[in-house]
Protein backbone atom coordinates (compact mmCIF):
# COMPACT_ATOMS: atom_id res chain seq x y z
CA MET A 1 29.38 30.13 -3.25
CA ASN A 2 26.09 31.88 -3.93
CA GLN A 3 24.20 31.80 -0.64
CA LEU A 4 20.40 31.75 -0.88
CA HIS A 5 19.48 31.59 2.80
CA GLY A 6 16.02 33.12 3.17
CA LYS A 7 15.48 33.37 -0.61
CA ARG A 8 13.57 30.87 -2.72
CA PRO A 9 14.80 30.39 -6.30
CA ALA A 10 12.34 32.17 -8.56
CA ARG A 11 9.64 30.00 -10.15
CA PHE A 12 11.15 26.69 -9.06
CA ASP A 13 8.63 23.95 -9.87
CA VAL A 14 8.97 21.75 -6.78
CA ARG A 15 6.12 19.44 -7.75
CA GLY A 16 7.43 18.82 -11.27
CA TYR A 17 11.00 18.38 -10.12
CA ASN A 18 10.12 15.94 -7.33
CA ALA A 19 7.93 13.93 -9.71
CA ARG A 20 10.94 13.46 -11.99
CA ALA A 21 13.15 12.71 -8.98
CA TRP A 22 10.84 9.93 -7.80
CA ASP A 23 10.60 8.54 -11.31
CA LYS A 24 14.39 8.35 -11.16
CA ALA A 25 14.19 6.68 -7.74
CA VAL A 26 12.17 3.90 -9.36
CA GLU A 27 14.99 3.37 -11.86
CA ARG A 28 17.46 3.25 -8.94
CA GLU A 29 15.23 0.76 -7.11
CA SER A 30 14.96 2.85 -3.96
CA PRO A 31 13.49 0.71 -1.13
CA TRP A 32 10.29 2.77 -1.22
CA THR A 33 9.73 2.01 -4.92
CA VAL A 34 10.12 -1.78 -4.97
CA PRO A 35 6.73 -3.55 -5.20
CA VAL A 36 5.78 -6.27 -2.75
CA GLY A 37 6.02 -9.82 -3.98
CA PRO A 38 3.13 -12.15 -4.82
CA GLU A 39 3.65 -14.06 -1.56
CA VAL A 40 2.85 -10.86 0.38
CA ILE A 41 -0.36 -10.41 -1.59
CA GLU A 42 -1.38 -14.03 -1.07
CA ALA A 43 -0.80 -13.70 2.68
CA ALA A 44 -2.89 -10.51 2.76
CA ARG A 45 -5.75 -12.34 1.07
CA ARG A 46 -5.61 -14.83 3.96
CA GLY A 47 -5.77 -11.98 6.48
CA ASP A 48 -2.05 -11.96 7.29
CA TRP A 49 -0.83 -8.47 6.42
CA ALA A 50 0.99 -5.39 7.70
CA ILE A 51 1.98 -2.01 6.31
CA VAL A 52 4.25 0.78 7.51
CA LEU A 53 3.74 4.54 7.69
CA THR A 54 7.31 5.10 8.92
CA PRO A 55 10.55 3.26 8.13
CA ALA A 56 10.29 0.20 10.35
CA LYS A 57 7.35 -0.17 12.77
CA PRO A 58 4.16 -1.81 11.44
CA VAL A 59 0.90 0.06 11.94
CA PRO A 60 -1.22 -1.60 14.68
CA HIS A 61 -4.20 -3.45 13.22
CA ALA A 62 -6.38 -1.76 15.83
CA TRP A 63 -5.78 1.53 14.03
CA PHE A 64 -7.67 0.36 10.92
CA PRO A 65 -11.40 0.38 10.36
CA PRO A 66 -12.85 -2.83 8.85
CA LEU A 67 -11.20 -3.11 5.42
CA ALA A 68 -13.73 -5.29 3.61
CA GLY A 69 -15.33 -2.97 1.06
CA ALA A 70 -13.82 0.16 2.61
CA ALA A 71 -12.94 3.04 0.28
CA VAL A 72 -9.23 3.70 0.91
CA LEU A 73 -7.06 6.51 -0.41
CA CYS A 74 -3.34 5.79 -0.33
CA LEU A 75 -2.17 9.40 -0.36
CA ALA A 76 1.28 10.10 -1.84
CA SER A 77 1.76 6.35 -1.44
CA GLY A 78 2.77 4.94 -4.81
CA GLY A 79 5.37 2.23 -5.23
CA GLY A 80 3.37 -0.99 -5.17
CA GLN A 81 3.52 -1.45 -1.42
CA GLN A 82 0.71 -0.21 0.87
CA GLY A 83 -2.02 0.01 -1.79
CA PRO A 84 -1.80 -3.57 -3.13
CA ILE A 85 -1.64 -5.04 0.38
CA LEU A 86 -4.79 -3.19 1.44
CA ALA A 87 -6.55 -4.16 -1.80
CA ALA A 88 -5.68 -7.81 -1.20
CA ALA A 89 -7.07 -7.44 2.33
CA GLY A 90 -10.44 -6.45 0.85
CA ALA A 91 -10.40 -2.67 0.51
CA ARG A 92 -11.40 -0.63 -2.56
CA VAL A 93 -8.11 1.20 -3.08
CA THR A 94 -7.18 4.40 -4.88
CA VAL A 95 -3.45 5.16 -4.98
CA PHE A 96 -2.62 8.85 -5.43
CA ASP A 97 0.93 9.96 -6.17
CA ASN A 98 2.97 12.66 -7.89
CA SER A 99 5.26 10.19 -9.69
CA PRO A 100 3.99 8.38 -12.81
CA GLN A 101 6.56 5.63 -12.33
CA GLN A 102 5.56 5.07 -8.71
CA LEU A 103 1.95 4.65 -9.84
CA ALA A 104 3.13 2.24 -12.53
CA GLN A 105 4.45 0.00 -9.76
CA ASP A 106 0.96 -0.26 -8.27
CA ARG A 107 -0.55 -1.07 -11.66
CA TYR A 108 2.12 -3.73 -12.16
CA VAL A 109 1.17 -5.49 -8.91
CA ALA A 110 -2.54 -5.15 -9.74
CA ARG A 111 -2.02 -6.88 -13.11
CA ARG A 112 0.30 -9.52 -11.69
CA ASP A 113 -1.96 -10.50 -8.81
CA GLY A 114 -5.45 -9.73 -10.13
CA LEU A 115 -6.19 -6.74 -7.88
CA GLN A 116 -8.56 -3.85 -8.50
CA ILE A 117 -6.62 -0.63 -7.86
CA THR A 118 -7.32 2.86 -9.20
CA THR A 119 -4.27 5.11 -9.71
CA VAL A 120 -4.41 8.91 -9.88
CA GLU A 121 -1.50 11.27 -10.55
CA GLY A 122 -1.42 14.62 -8.77
CA ASP A 123 -0.29 16.93 -5.98
CA MET A 124 -1.08 15.70 -2.46
CA ARG A 125 -2.11 19.26 -1.53
CA ALA A 126 -4.85 19.39 -4.18
CA LEU A 127 -7.45 16.59 -4.26
CA SER A 128 -10.13 18.44 -6.25
CA MET A 129 -10.73 15.38 -8.44
CA PHE A 130 -12.33 13.69 -5.42
CA PRO A 131 -15.74 14.81 -4.11
CA ASP A 132 -16.29 15.58 -0.45
CA ALA A 133 -16.67 12.53 1.81
CA SER A 134 -15.27 10.03 -0.73
CA PHE A 135 -13.19 7.77 1.53
CA ASP A 136 -13.40 5.78 4.76
CA LEU A 137 -9.64 5.63 5.31
CA ILE A 138 -6.61 7.63 4.17
CA VAL A 139 -3.16 6.05 4.42
CA HIS A 140 -0.45 8.71 4.16
CA PRO A 141 3.05 7.31 4.79
CA VAL A 142 6.11 9.54 5.15
CA SER A 143 5.90 11.73 2.05
CA ASN A 144 4.82 15.26 2.94
CA LEU A 145 8.48 16.22 3.38
CA PHE A 146 8.43 16.56 -0.43
CA VAL A 147 6.00 19.53 -0.49
CA PRO A 148 6.75 23.03 0.83
CA GLU A 149 3.40 23.44 2.63
CA VAL A 150 1.79 20.67 4.66
CA ARG A 151 -1.38 22.26 6.05
CA PRO A 152 -3.22 22.01 2.68
CA VAL A 153 -2.59 18.25 2.80
CA TRP A 154 -4.51 17.98 6.09
CA HIS A 155 -7.37 20.21 4.94
CA GLU A 156 -7.86 18.21 1.75
CA ALA A 157 -7.62 14.91 3.63
CA HIS A 158 -10.32 16.09 6.03
CA ARG A 159 -12.56 17.18 3.16
CA VAL A 160 -12.43 13.89 1.25
CA LEU A 161 -12.94 11.71 4.34
CA ARG A 162 -16.41 10.69 5.43
CA THR A 163 -17.56 11.49 8.95
CA GLY A 164 -15.99 8.87 11.19
CA GLY A 165 -13.23 8.31 8.63
CA VAL A 166 -9.67 7.65 9.71
CA LEU A 167 -6.40 9.32 8.66
CA LEU A 168 -3.21 7.33 9.25
CA ALA A 169 -0.16 9.51 8.69
CA GLY A 170 3.60 9.15 9.00
CA PHE A 171 6.07 12.03 8.96
CA CYS A 172 9.54 13.13 9.98
CA ASN A 173 10.41 14.58 13.33
CA PRO A 174 11.79 17.96 12.15
CA VAL A 175 14.77 17.60 14.47
CA ILE A 176 16.49 15.53 11.76
CA TYR A 177 16.91 18.73 9.73
CA LEU A 178 18.87 20.56 12.44
CA PHE A 179 22.10 18.91 11.42
CA ASP A 180 24.68 19.33 8.67
CA GLN A 181 23.71 16.50 6.30
CA GLU A 182 27.19 15.96 4.85
CA LEU A 183 28.63 15.47 8.34
CA ALA A 184 25.65 13.37 9.46
CA ASP A 185 26.32 11.01 6.55
CA LYS A 186 29.74 10.48 8.17
CA GLY A 187 28.24 9.88 11.59
CA VAL A 188 28.92 13.39 12.96
CA LEU A 189 25.91 15.29 14.34
CA ARG A 190 26.58 19.03 14.19
CA VAL A 191 23.73 21.51 14.53
CA ARG A 192 23.59 23.82 11.53
CA HIS A 193 20.06 24.76 10.43
CA LYS A 194 17.15 26.66 11.89
CA LEU A 195 13.75 25.02 11.70
CA PRO A 196 11.56 24.71 9.75
CA TYR A 197 14.00 23.52 7.09
CA SER A 198 13.79 23.90 3.30
CA ASP A 199 16.09 22.65 0.55
CA LEU A 200 15.13 25.85 -1.29
CA THR A 201 16.16 28.36 1.36
CA SER A 202 18.22 26.70 4.10
CA ILE A 203 21.25 25.75 2.00
CA SER A 204 23.31 27.39 -0.71
CA GLU A 205 22.65 27.15 -4.43
CA ALA A 206 25.89 25.20 -4.81
CA GLU A 207 24.84 22.69 -2.14
CA ARG A 208 21.39 22.32 -3.63
CA SER A 209 22.91 21.68 -7.05
CA LEU A 210 24.54 18.55 -5.61
CA TYR A 211 21.01 17.19 -5.14
CA THR A 212 19.54 18.46 -8.39
CA GLU A 213 22.43 17.24 -10.55
CA GLU A 214 21.73 13.71 -9.28
CA LEU A 215 17.96 14.28 -9.45
CA GLN A 216 17.51 13.65 -5.72
CA PRO A 217 14.14 14.77 -4.27
CA LEU A 218 14.04 18.15 -2.54
CA GLU A 219 12.89 18.05 1.09
CA PHE A 220 11.13 20.31 3.58
CA GLY A 221 11.26 19.84 7.36
CA HIS A 222 7.83 20.93 8.61
CA SER A 223 7.26 21.96 12.21
CA LEU A 224 5.31 19.77 14.62
CA GLU A 225 2.89 22.68 14.91
CA ASP A 226 2.09 22.22 11.22
CA GLN A 227 2.24 18.42 11.26
CA ILE A 228 0.17 17.74 14.39
CA GLY A 229 -1.41 21.12 15.03
CA GLY A 230 -2.28 21.29 11.35
CA GLN A 231 -4.31 18.10 11.62
CA LEU A 232 -6.17 19.46 14.64
CA ASP A 233 -6.81 22.79 12.95
CA ALA A 234 -8.19 20.96 9.90
CA GLY A 235 -10.82 19.37 12.16
CA PHE A 236 -9.28 16.03 13.06
CA VAL A 237 -9.21 14.48 16.52
CA LEU A 238 -5.96 12.68 17.33
CA THR A 239 -6.60 9.13 18.59
CA GLY A 240 -3.24 7.38 18.23
CA PHE A 241 0.47 8.18 18.23
CA TYR A 242 3.78 6.32 18.07
CA GLU A 243 7.41 7.02 17.19
CA ASP A 244 9.88 5.11 15.02
CA ILE A 245 13.49 5.21 13.83
CA TRP A 246 15.36 4.72 10.60
CA PRO A 247 17.70 1.89 11.65
CA GLY A 248 21.35 2.63 11.07
CA THR A 249 21.12 6.44 10.97
CA PRO A 250 23.24 8.32 13.54
CA LEU A 251 20.46 10.32 15.20
CA SER A 252 18.34 7.19 15.66
CA GLU A 253 20.90 6.01 18.21
CA TYR A 254 19.73 8.85 20.46
CA MET A 255 16.03 9.44 19.77
CA PRO A 256 13.07 8.46 17.60
CA THR A 257 13.12 10.36 14.32
CA TYR A 258 9.71 9.52 12.79
CA ILE A 259 6.14 9.91 14.00
CA ALA A 260 2.89 8.16 13.12
CA THR A 261 -0.56 9.48 14.02
CA ARG A 262 -4.10 8.16 13.86
CA SER A 263 -6.75 10.86 13.50
CA VAL A 264 -10.52 10.73 13.05
CA LYS A 265 -12.93 13.08 11.31
CA LEU A 266 -15.80 13.58 13.73
CA GLU A 267 -19.17 15.13 13.01
CA ARG A 268 -18.96 18.86 13.57
CA THR A 269 -21.02 20.21 16.43
CA LYS A 270 -22.81 23.52 16.04
């Protein structure tokens, strides 16, 4: 077994690979790629709606600014779920994602239900196509585990938000990456990895090939210093926080494994 601990495979294109992996996830009908039904859109038009940032717990309505006419960026949020619901609730929605097939799901719902949604393909760490202060709200569900560096995500989110704008973000508690995944899948929690975790450097080439042969997305377990401290360092003020679980996973029997935050871009003081 060729161990690669501490070494990143040369010139591995994480963004391109994970785009293909999520396109494949659409073919497999992963739960995070299945569009909402027309009944969900109709309910949202009546004001009855909810979205998630994490696996199970709905985001409190109090976390949202008024949606009517609001410019909303659904960041790394393709799949025909959050974006169409917010558009039906009255927002002007742009869905940004790395996967062409995930974006196609949002366009499908828009055509089916007569919604106005803009879709943009790209890397969540690089939002140069958007001018400064473009959005009132950013919705960023659990997805930054698919990029090696998370702090650029926060800096770009801060840049494209207007003063007073809100960032709603979901992410993994990095503790989930401590454990041997093969054993965890069998219900056995055995500590194996140091944090932060990376599918490029924390496991062997042979183990990683088990993911890449099946075109499974590569993951990165970012520290809480980068996830929460990174938002603060980017200029956000944290105004809301909750935890969630992935029902049925072994570690969730002992502790919350996902985090959601609400942060606001305030006017800078000199």
